[in-house]
């Protein structure tokens, strides 16, 4: 019996900006693709997660102008949700 290959994307190593770019490219490339007619979770769910994560990234701010601890906690939660979907 052969072992199935495992694909490691190493999403945890990506910066927030890189994760947003990767996620948007993923949705763009899967939209209308016949090989992914009914993905699970749906593209609408993934897009909603991307939108929520992007809002948290914006709220967290840039280096030197960060938001509150609560916003950081929310950012990490949105990132985890996006990576799990």
PDB file of N, CA and C in Angstrom:
ATOM      1  N   UNK A   1       0.846  -1.177   0.000  1.00  0.00           N
ATOM      2  CA  UNK A   1       0.000   0.000   0.000  1.00  0.00           C
ATOM      3  C   UNK A   1       0.893   1.242   0.000  1.00  0.00           C
ATOM      4  N   UNK A   2       0.616   2.129  -0.929  1.00  0.00           N
ATOM      5  CA  UNK A   2       1.406   3.348  -1.027  1.00  0.00           C
ATOM      6  C   UNK A   2       0.854   4.423  -0.110  1.00  0.00           C
ATOM      7  N   UNK A   3       1.767   5.211   0.402  1.00  0.00           N
ATOM      8  CA  UNK A   3       1.349   6.361   1.207  1.00  0.00           C
ATOM      9  C   UNK A   3       0.901   7.484   0.288  1.00  0.00           C
ATOM     10  N   UNK A   4      -0.152   8.149   0.679  1.00  0.00           N
ATOM     11  CA  UNK A   4      -0.613   9.298  -0.090  1.00  0.00           C
ATOM     12  C   UNK A   4       0.300  10.476   0.206  1.00  0.00           C
ATOM     13  N   UNK A   5       0.621  11.252  -0.812  1.00  0.00           N
ATOM     14  CA  UNK A   5       1.462  12.427  -0.551  1.00  0.00           C
ATOM     15  C   UNK A   5       0.683  13.478   0.238  1.00  0.00           C
ATOM     16  N   UNK A   6       1.396  14.181   1.068  1.00  0.00           N
ATOM     17  CA  UNK A   6       0.809  15.239   1.874  1.00  0.00           C
ATOM     18  C   UNK A   6       1.336  16.579   1.369  1.00  0.00           C
ATOM     19  N   UNK A   7       0.422  17.500   1.142  1.00  0.00           N
ATOM     20  CA  UNK A   7       0.802  18.829   0.695  1.00  0.00           C
ATOM     21  C   UNK A   7       0.834  19.748   1.902  1.00  0.00           C
ATOM     22  N   UNK A   8       1.971  20.389   2.116  1.00  0.00           N
ATOM     23  CA  UNK A   8       2.117  21.326   3.223  1.00  0.00           C
ATOM     24  C   UNK A   8       2.220  22.729   2.661  1.00  0.00           C
ATOM     25  N   UNK A   9       1.258  23.545   2.984  1.00  0.00           N
ATOM     26  CA  UNK A   9       1.257  24.929   2.510  1.00  0.00           C
ATOM     27  C   UNK A   9       1.990  25.859   3.461  1.00  0.00           C
ATOM     28  N   UNK A  10       2.164  25.443   4.697  1.00  0.00           N
ATOM     29  CA  UNK A  10       2.846  26.240   5.724  1.00  0.00           C
ATOM     30  C   UNK A  10       2.239  27.641   5.845  1.00  0.00           C
ATOM     31  N   UNK A  11       0.931  27.673   5.937  1.00  0.00           N
ATOM     32  CA  UNK A  11       0.228  28.948   6.026  1.00  0.00           C
ATOM     33  C   UNK A  11       0.566  29.717   7.299  1.00  0.00           C
ATOM     34  N   UNK A  12       0.904  29.003   8.357  1.00  0.00           N
ATOM     35  CA  UNK A  12       1.213  29.670   9.619  1.00  0.00           C
ATOM     36  C   UNK A  12       2.455  30.549   9.504  1.00  0.00           C
ATOM     37  N   UNK A  13       3.323  30.258   8.559  1.00  0.00           N
ATOM     38  CA  UNK A  13       4.545  31.041   8.382  1.00  0.00           C
ATOM     39  C   UNK A  13       4.319  32.329   7.588  1.00  0.00           C
ATOM     40  N   UNK A  14       3.177  32.440   6.939  1.00  0.00           N
ATOM     41  CA  UNK A  14       2.908  33.622   6.118  1.00  0.00           C
ATOM     42  C   UNK A  14       2.566  34.826   6.988  1.00  0.00           C
ATOM     43  N   UNK A  15       2.960  36.002   6.518  1.00  0.00           N
ATOM     44  CA  UNK A  15       2.540  37.225   7.192  1.00  0.00           C
ATOM     45  C   UNK A  15       1.048  37.420   6.937  1.00  0.00           C
ATOM     46  N   UNK A  16       0.445  38.330   7.654  1.00  0.00           N
ATOM     47  CA  UNK A  16      -0.982  38.595   7.448  1.00  0.00           C
ATOM     48  C   UNK A  16      -1.253  39.042   6.013  1.00  0.00           C
ATOM     49  N   UNK A  17      -0.405  39.912   5.496  1.00  0.00           N
ATOM     50  CA  UNK A  17      -0.579  40.404   4.127  1.00  0.00           C
ATOM     51  C   UNK A  17      -0.416  39.278   3.113  1.00  0.00           C
ATOM     52  N   UNK A  18       0.574  38.422   3.320  1.00  0.00           N
ATOM     53  CA  UNK A  18       0.805  37.301   2.408  1.00  0.00           C
ATOM     54  C   UNK A  18      -0.350  36.297   2.467  1.00  0.00           C
ATOM     55  N   UNK A  19      -0.887  36.068   3.663  1.00  0.00           N
ATOM     56  CA  UNK A  19      -2.024  35.162   3.797  1.00  0.00           C
ATOM     57  C   UNK A  19      -3.249  35.722   3.077  1.00  0.00           C
ATOM     58  N   UNK A  20      -3.465  37.033   3.173  1.00  0.00           N
ATOM     59  CA  UNK A  20      -4.572  37.661   2.446  1.00  0.00           C
ATOM     60  C   UNK A  20      -4.396  37.505   0.939  1.00  0.00           C
ATOM     61  N   UNK A  21      -3.197  37.743   0.450  1.00  0.00           N
ATOM     62  CA  UNK A  21      -2.929  37.608  -0.988  1.00  0.00           C
ATOM     63  C   UNK A  21      -3.138  36.181  -1.450  1.00  0.00           C
ATOM     64  N   UNK A  22      -2.618  35.231  -0.684  1.00  0.00           N
ATOM     65  CA  UNK A  22      -2.776  33.812  -1.028  1.00  0.00           C
ATOM     66  C   UNK A  22      -4.252  33.424  -1.059  1.00  0.00           C
ATOM     67  N   UNK A  23      -4.987  33.840  -0.032  1.00  0.00           N
ATOM     68  CA  UNK A  23      -6.405  33.488   0.067  1.00  0.00           C
ATOM     69  C   UNK A  23      -7.220  34.087  -1.071  1.00  0.00           C
ATOM     70  N   UNK A  24      -6.955  35.343  -1.390  1.00  0.00           N
ATOM     71  CA  UNK A  24      -7.669  35.982  -2.506  1.00  0.00           C
ATOM     72  C   UNK A  24      -7.348  35.298  -3.829  1.00  0.00           C
ATOM     73  N   UNK A  25      -6.088  34.924  -4.036  1.00  0.00           N
ATOM     74  CA  UNK A  25      -5.704  34.221  -5.261  1.00  0.00           C
ATOM     75  C   UNK A  25      -6.377  32.861  -5.326  1.00  0.00           C
ATOM     76  N   UNK A  26      -6.495  32.192  -4.198  1.00  0.00           N
ATOM     77  CA  UNK A  26      -7.148  30.882  -4.143  1.00  0.00           C
ATOM     78  C   UNK A  26      -8.604  30.992  -4.583  1.00  0.00           C
ATOM     79  N   UNK A  27      -9.321  31.954  -4.026  1.00  0.00           N
ATOM     80  CA  UNK A  27     -10.735  32.133  -4.374  1.00  0.00           C
ATOM     81  C   UNK A  27     -10.872  32.523  -5.849  1.00  0.00           C
ATOM     82  N   UNK A  28     -10.016  33.418  -6.311  1.00  0.00           N
ATOM     83  CA  UNK A  28     -10.056  33.843  -7.712  1.00  0.00           C
ATOM     84  C   UNK A  28      -9.844  32.665  -8.652  1.00  0.00           C
ATOM     85  N   UNK A  29      -8.867  31.826  -8.335  1.00  0.00           N
ATOM     86  CA  UNK A  29      -8.562  30.694  -9.203  1.00  0.00           C
ATOM     87  C   UNK A  29      -9.595  29.571  -9.131  1.00  0.00           C
ATOM     88  N   UNK A  30     -10.283  29.458  -8.003  1.00  0.00           N
ATOM     89  CA  UNK A  30     -11.292  28.405  -7.877  1.00  0.00           C
ATOM     90  C   UNK A  30     -12.653  28.826  -8.426  1.00  0.00           C
ATOM     91  N   UNK A  31     -12.893  30.122  -8.510  1.00  0.00           N
ATOM     92  CA  UNK A  31     -14.177  30.613  -9.001  1.00  0.00           C
ATOM     93  C   UNK A  31     -14.329  30.247 -10.477  1.00  0.00           C
ATOM     94  N   UNK A  32     -15.388  29.535 -10.779  1.00  0.00           N
ATOM     95  CA  UNK A  32     -15.664  29.126 -12.150  1.00  0.00           C
ATOM     96  C   UNK A  32     -14.847  27.939 -12.624  1.00  0.00           C
ATOM     97  N   UNK A  33     -14.021  27.356 -11.768  1.00  0.00           N
ATOM     98  CA  UNK A  33     -13.197  26.209 -12.136  1.00  0.00           C
ATOM     99  C   UNK A  33     -14.052  24.944 -12.072  1.00  0.00           C
ATOM    100  N   UNK A  34     -14.145  24.237 -13.187  1.00  0.00           N
ATOM    101  CA  UNK A  34     -14.998  23.042 -13.270  1.00  0.00           C
ATOM    102  C   UNK A  34     -14.541  21.931 -12.329  1.00  0.00           C
ATOM    103  N   UNK A  35     -13.265  21.897 -11.971  1.00  0.00           N
ATOM    104  CA  UNK A  35     -12.760  20.862 -11.074  1.00  0.00           C
ATOM    105  C   UNK A  35     -13.200  21.095  -9.631  1.00  0.00           C
ATOM    106  N   UNK A  36     -13.610  22.310  -9.325  1.00  0.00           N
ATOM    107  CA  UNK A  36     -14.067  22.662  -7.979  1.00  0.00           C
ATOM    108  C   UNK A  36     -15.470  23.255  -8.058  1.00  0.00           C
ATOM    109  N   UNK A  37     -16.378  22.483  -8.603  1.00  0.00           N
ATOM    110  CA  UNK A  37     -17.745  22.971  -8.801  1.00  0.00           C
ATOM    111  C   UNK A  37     -18.453  23.250  -7.473  1.00  0.00           C
ATOM    112  N   UNK A  38     -18.256  22.378  -6.486  1.00  0.00           N
ATOM    113  CA  UNK A  38     -18.901  22.547  -5.176  1.00  0.00           C
ATOM    114  C   UNK A  38     -17.885  22.293  -4.063  1.00  0.00           C
ATOM    115  N   UNK A  39     -16.986  23.234  -3.842  1.00  0.00           N
ATOM    116  CA  UNK A  39     -15.985  23.034  -2.789  1.00  0.00           C
ATOM    117  C   UNK A  39     -16.618  23.079  -1.404  1.00  0.00           C
ATOM    118  N   UNK A  40     -15.961  22.439  -0.461  1.00  0.00           N
ATOM    119  CA  UNK A  40     -16.429  22.438   0.915  1.00  0.00           C
ATOM    120  C   UNK A  40     -15.284  22.901   1.802  1.00  0.00           C
ATOM    121  N   UNK A  41     -15.365  24.046   2.448  1.00  0.00           N
ATOM    122  CA  UNK A  41     -16.478  24.978   2.528  1.00  0.00           C
ATOM    123  C   UNK A  41     -16.664  25.737   1.214  1.00  0.00           C
ATOM    124  N   UNK A  42     -17.801  26.342   1.089  1.00  0.00           N
ATOM    125  CA  UNK A  42     -18.122  27.051  -0.151  1.00  0.00           C
ATOM    126  C   UNK A  42     -17.227  28.273  -0.328  1.00  0.00           C
ATOM    127  N   UNK A  43     -17.114  28.711  -1.567  1.00  0.00           N
ATOM    128  CA  UNK A  43     -16.298  29.897  -1.846  1.00  0.00           C
ATOM    129  C   UNK A  43     -16.871  31.135  -1.161  1.00  0.00           C
ATOM    130  N   UNK A  44     -18.186  31.171  -1.008  1.00  0.00           N
ATOM    131  CA  UNK A  44     -18.815  32.305  -0.304  1.00  0.00           C
ATOM    132  C   UNK A  44     -18.371  32.337   1.158  1.00  0.00           C
ATOM    133  N   UNK A  45     -18.263  31.177   1.781  1.00  0.00           N
ATOM    134  CA  UNK A  45     -17.804  31.101   3.169  1.00  0.00           C
ATOM    135  C   UNK A  45     -16.357  31.538   3.277  1.00  0.00           C
ATOM    136  N   UNK A  46     -15.520  31.064   2.365  1.00  0.00           N
ATOM    137  CA  UNK A  46     -14.106  31.446   2.379  1.00  0.00           C
ATOM    138  C   UNK A  46     -13.962  32.944   2.136  1.00  0.00           C
ATOM    139  N   UNK A  47     -14.748  33.480   1.190  1.00  0.00           N
ATOM    140  CA  UNK A  47     -14.684  34.918   0.907  1.00  0.00           C
ATOM    141  C   UNK A  47     -15.120  35.729   2.121  1.00  0.00           C
ATOM    142  N   UNK A  48     -16.123  35.262   2.844  1.00  0.00           N
ATOM    143  CA  UNK A  48     -16.562  35.948   4.059  1.00  0.00           C
ATOM    144  C   UNK A  48     -15.453  35.936   5.115  1.00  0.00           C
ATOM    145  N   UNK A  49     -14.747  34.805   5.226  1.00  0.00           N
ATOM    146  CA  UNK A  49     -13.623  34.707   6.160  1.00  0.00           C
ATOM    147  C   UNK A  49     -12.495  35.658   5.761  1.00  0.00           C
ATOM    148  N   UNK A  50     -12.238  35.760   4.461  1.00  0.00           N
ATOM    149  CA  UNK A  50     -11.199  36.668   3.966  1.00  0.00           C
ATOM    150  C   UNK A  50     -11.569  38.111   4.285  1.00  0.00           C
ATOM    151  N   UNK A  51     -12.823  38.467   4.052  1.00  0.00           N
ATOM    152  CA  UNK A  51     -13.286  39.825   4.328  1.00  0.00           C
ATOM    153  C   UNK A  51     -13.160  40.160   5.815  1.00  0.00           C
ATOM    154  N   UNK A  52     -13.535  39.217   6.669  1.00  0.00           N
ATOM    155  CA  UNK A  52     -13.434  39.435   8.116  1.00  0.00           C
ATOM    156  C   UNK A  52     -11.971  39.569   8.539  1.00  0.00           C
ATOM    157  N   UNK A  53     -11.110  38.728   7.982  1.00  0.00           N
ATOM    158  CA  UNK A  53      -9.688  38.785   8.314  1.00  0.00           C
ATOM    159  C   UNK A  53      -9.074  40.100   7.836  1.00  0.00           C
ATOM    160  N   UNK A  54      -9.428  40.530   6.634  1.00  0.00           N
ATOM    161  CA  UNK A  54      -8.905  41.794   6.094  1.00  0.00           C
ATOM    162  C   UNK A  54      -9.318  42.971   6.982  1.00  0.00           C
ATOM    163  N   UNK A  55     -10.545  42.944   7.479  1.00  0.00           N
ATOM    164  CA  UNK A  55     -11.011  44.018   8.371  1.00  0.00           C
ATOM    165  C   UNK A  55     -10.204  44.026   9.672  1.00  0.00           C
ATOM    166  N   UNK A  56      -9.885  42.851  10.186  1.00  0.00           N
ATOM    167  CA  UNK A  56      -9.103  42.762  11.429  1.00  0.00           C
ATOM    168  C   UNK A  56      -7.659  43.204  11.200  1.00  0.00           C
ATOM    169  N   UNK A  57      -7.097  42.878  10.041  1.00  0.00           N
ATOM    170  CA  UNK A  57      -5.738  43.318   9.713  1.00  0.00           C
ATOM    171  C   UNK A  57      -5.700  44.845   9.666  1.00  0.00           C
ATOM    172  N   UNK A  58      -6.702  45.441   9.043  1.00  0.00           N
ATOM    173  CA  UNK A  58      -6.775  46.900   8.956  1.00  0.00           C
ATOM    174  C   UNK A  58      -6.940  47.519  10.346  1.00  0.00           C
ATOM    175  N   UNK A  59      -7.788  46.919  11.164  1.00  0.00           N
ATOM    176  CA  UNK A  59      -8.015  47.438  12.516  1.00  0.00           C
ATOM    177  C   UNK A  59      -6.760  47.304  13.385  1.00  0.00           C
ATOM    178  N   UNK A  60      -6.001  46.242  13.195  1.00  0.00           N
ATOM    179  CA  UNK A  60      -4.778  46.027  13.974  1.00  0.00           C
ATOM    180  C   UNK A  60      -3.735  47.084  13.641  1.00  0.00           C
ATOM    181  N   UNK A  61      -3.685  47.509  12.393  1.00  0.00           N
ATOM    182  CA  UNK A  61      -2.805  48.604  12.004  1.00  0.00           C
ATOM    183  C   UNK A  61      -1.422  48.157  11.577  1.00  0.00           C
ATOM    184  N   UNK A  62      -0.600  49.138  11.263  1.00  0.00           N
ATOM    185  CA  UNK A  62       0.767  48.876  10.808  1.00  0.00           C
ATOM    186  C   UNK A  62       1.733  48.947  11.980  1.00  0.00           C
ATOM    187  N   UNK A  63       2.952  48.508  11.753  1.00  0.00           N
ATOM    188  CA  UNK A  63       3.983  48.550  12.789  1.00  0.00           C
ATOM    189  C   UNK A  63       4.156  49.994  13.256  1.00  0.00           C
ATOM    190  N   UNK A  64       4.172  50.165  14.553  1.00  0.00           N
ATOM    191  CA  UNK A  64       4.296  51.500  15.121  1.00  0.00           C
ATOM    192  C   UNK A  64       2.960  52.166  15.378  1.00  0.00           C
ATOM    193  N   UNK A  65       1.878  51.556  14.905  1.00  0.00           N
ATOM    194  CA  UNK A  65       0.542  52.121  15.089  1.00  0.00           C
ATOM    195  C   UNK A  65      -0.458  50.986  15.292  1.00  0.00           C
ATOM    196  N   UNK A  66      -0.145  50.096  16.214  1.00  0.00           N
ATOM    197  CA  UNK A  66      -0.977  48.921  16.446  1.00  0.00           C
ATOM    198  C   UNK A  66      -2.213  49.258  17.257  1.00  0.00           C
ATOM    199  N   UNK A  67      -3.207  48.399  17.118  1.00  0.00           N
ATOM    200  CA  UNK A  67      -4.448  48.556  17.861  1.00  0.00           C
ATOM    201  C   UNK A  67      -4.342  47.953  19.254  1.00  0.00           C
ATOM    202  N   UNK A  68      -5.478  47.770  19.875  1.00  0.00           N
ATOM    203  CA  UNK A  68      -5.533  47.268  21.249  1.00  0.00           C
ATOM    204  C   UNK A  68      -5.261  45.762  21.297  1.00  0.00           C
ATOM    205  N   UNK A  69      -5.101  45.281  22.494  1.00  0.00           N
ATOM    206  CA  UNK A  69      -4.900  43.844  22.701  1.00  0.00           C
ATOM    207  C   UNK A  69      -6.125  43.071  22.218  1.00  0.00           C
ATOM    208  N   UNK A  70      -7.305  43.600  22.473  1.00  0.00           N
ATOM    209  CA  UNK A  70      -8.541  42.933  22.041  1.00  0.00           C
ATOM    210  C   UNK A  70      -8.584  42.776  20.519  1.00  0.00           C
ATOM    211  N   UNK A  71      -8.162  43.805  19.802  1.00  0.00           N
ATOM    212  CA  UNK A  71      -8.139  43.723  18.339  1.00  0.00           C
ATOM    213  C   UNK A  71      -7.142  42.659  17.896  1.00  0.00           C
ATOM    214  N   UNK A  72      -6.011  42.551  18.593  1.00  0.00           N
ATOM    215  CA  UNK A  72      -5.023  41.529  18.252  1.00  0.00           C
ATOM    216  C   UNK A  72      -5.591  40.129  18.474  1.00  0.00           C
ATOM    217  N   UNK A  73      -6.308  39.940  19.569  1.00  0.00           N
ATOM    218  CA  UNK A  73      -6.945  38.645  19.844  1.00  0.00           C
ATOM    219  C   UNK A  73      -7.954  38.319  18.744  1.00  0.00           C
ATOM    220  N   UNK A  74      -8.749  39.299  18.335  1.00  0.00           N
ATOM    221  CA  UNK A  74      -9.728  39.102  17.263  1.00  0.00           C
ATOM    222  C   UNK A  74      -9.037  38.803  15.935  1.00  0.00           C
ATOM    223  N   UNK A  75      -7.913  39.461  15.686  1.00  0.00           N
ATOM    224  CA  UNK A  75      -7.131  39.204  14.465  1.00  0.00           C
ATOM    225  C   UNK A  75      -6.648  37.757  14.440  1.00  0.00           C
ATOM    226  N   UNK A  76      -6.115  37.286  15.549  1.00  0.00           N
ATOM    227  CA  UNK A  76      -5.625  35.904  15.614  1.00  0.00           C
ATOM    228  C   UNK A  76      -6.765  34.904  15.423  1.00  0.00           C
ATOM    229  N   UNK A  77      -7.934  35.205  15.970  1.00  0.00           N
ATOM    230  CA  UNK A  77      -9.088  34.318  15.805  1.00  0.00           C
ATOM    231  C   UNK A  77      -9.552  34.285  14.352  1.00  0.00           C
ATOM    232  N   UNK A  78      -9.582  35.449  13.695  1.00  0.00           N
ATOM    233  CA  UNK A  78      -9.990  35.513  12.293  1.00  0.00           C
ATOM    234  C   UNK A  78      -8.982  34.792  11.420  1.00  0.00           C
ATOM    235  N   UNK A  79      -7.692  34.911  11.744  1.00  0.00           N
ATOM    236  CA  UNK A  79      -6.648  34.217  10.995  1.00  0.00           C
ATOM    237  C   UNK A  79      -6.798  32.702  11.125  1.00  0.00           C
ATOM    238  N   UNK A  80      -7.056  32.237  12.346  1.00  0.00           N
ATOM    239  CA  UNK A  80      -7.245  30.807  12.578  1.00  0.00           C
ATOM    240  C   UNK A  80      -8.453  30.274  11.812  1.00  0.00           C
ATOM    241  N   UNK A  81      -9.537  31.028  11.810  1.00  0.00           N
ATOM    242  CA  UNK A  81     -10.734  30.619  11.083  1.00  0.00           C
ATOM    243  C   UNK A  81     -10.437  30.504   9.593  1.00  0.00           C
ATOM    244  N   UNK A  82      -9.746  31.486   9.037  1.00  0.00           N
ATOM    245  CA  UNK A  82      -9.400  31.468   7.618  1.00  0.00           C
ATOM    246  C   UNK A  82      -8.515  30.279   7.284  1.00  0.00           C
ATOM    247  N   UNK A  83      -7.546  29.987   8.118  1.00  0.00           N
ATOM    248  CA  UNK A  83      -6.627  28.881   7.845  1.00  0.00           C
ATOM    249  C   UNK A  83      -7.313  27.531   7.969  1.00  0.00           C
ATOM    250  N   UNK A  84      -8.322  27.422   8.819  1.00  0.00           N
ATOM    251  CA  UNK A  84      -9.031  26.146   8.987  1.00  0.00           C
ATOM    252  C   UNK A  84     -10.016  25.894   7.859  1.00  0.00           C
ATOM    253  N   UNK A  85     -10.584  26.972   7.308  1.00  0.00           N
ATOM    254  CA  UNK A  85     -11.517  26.811   6.192  1.00  0.00           C
ATOM    255  C   UNK A  85     -10.709  26.614   4.945  1.00  0.00           C
TER     256      UNK A  85
END
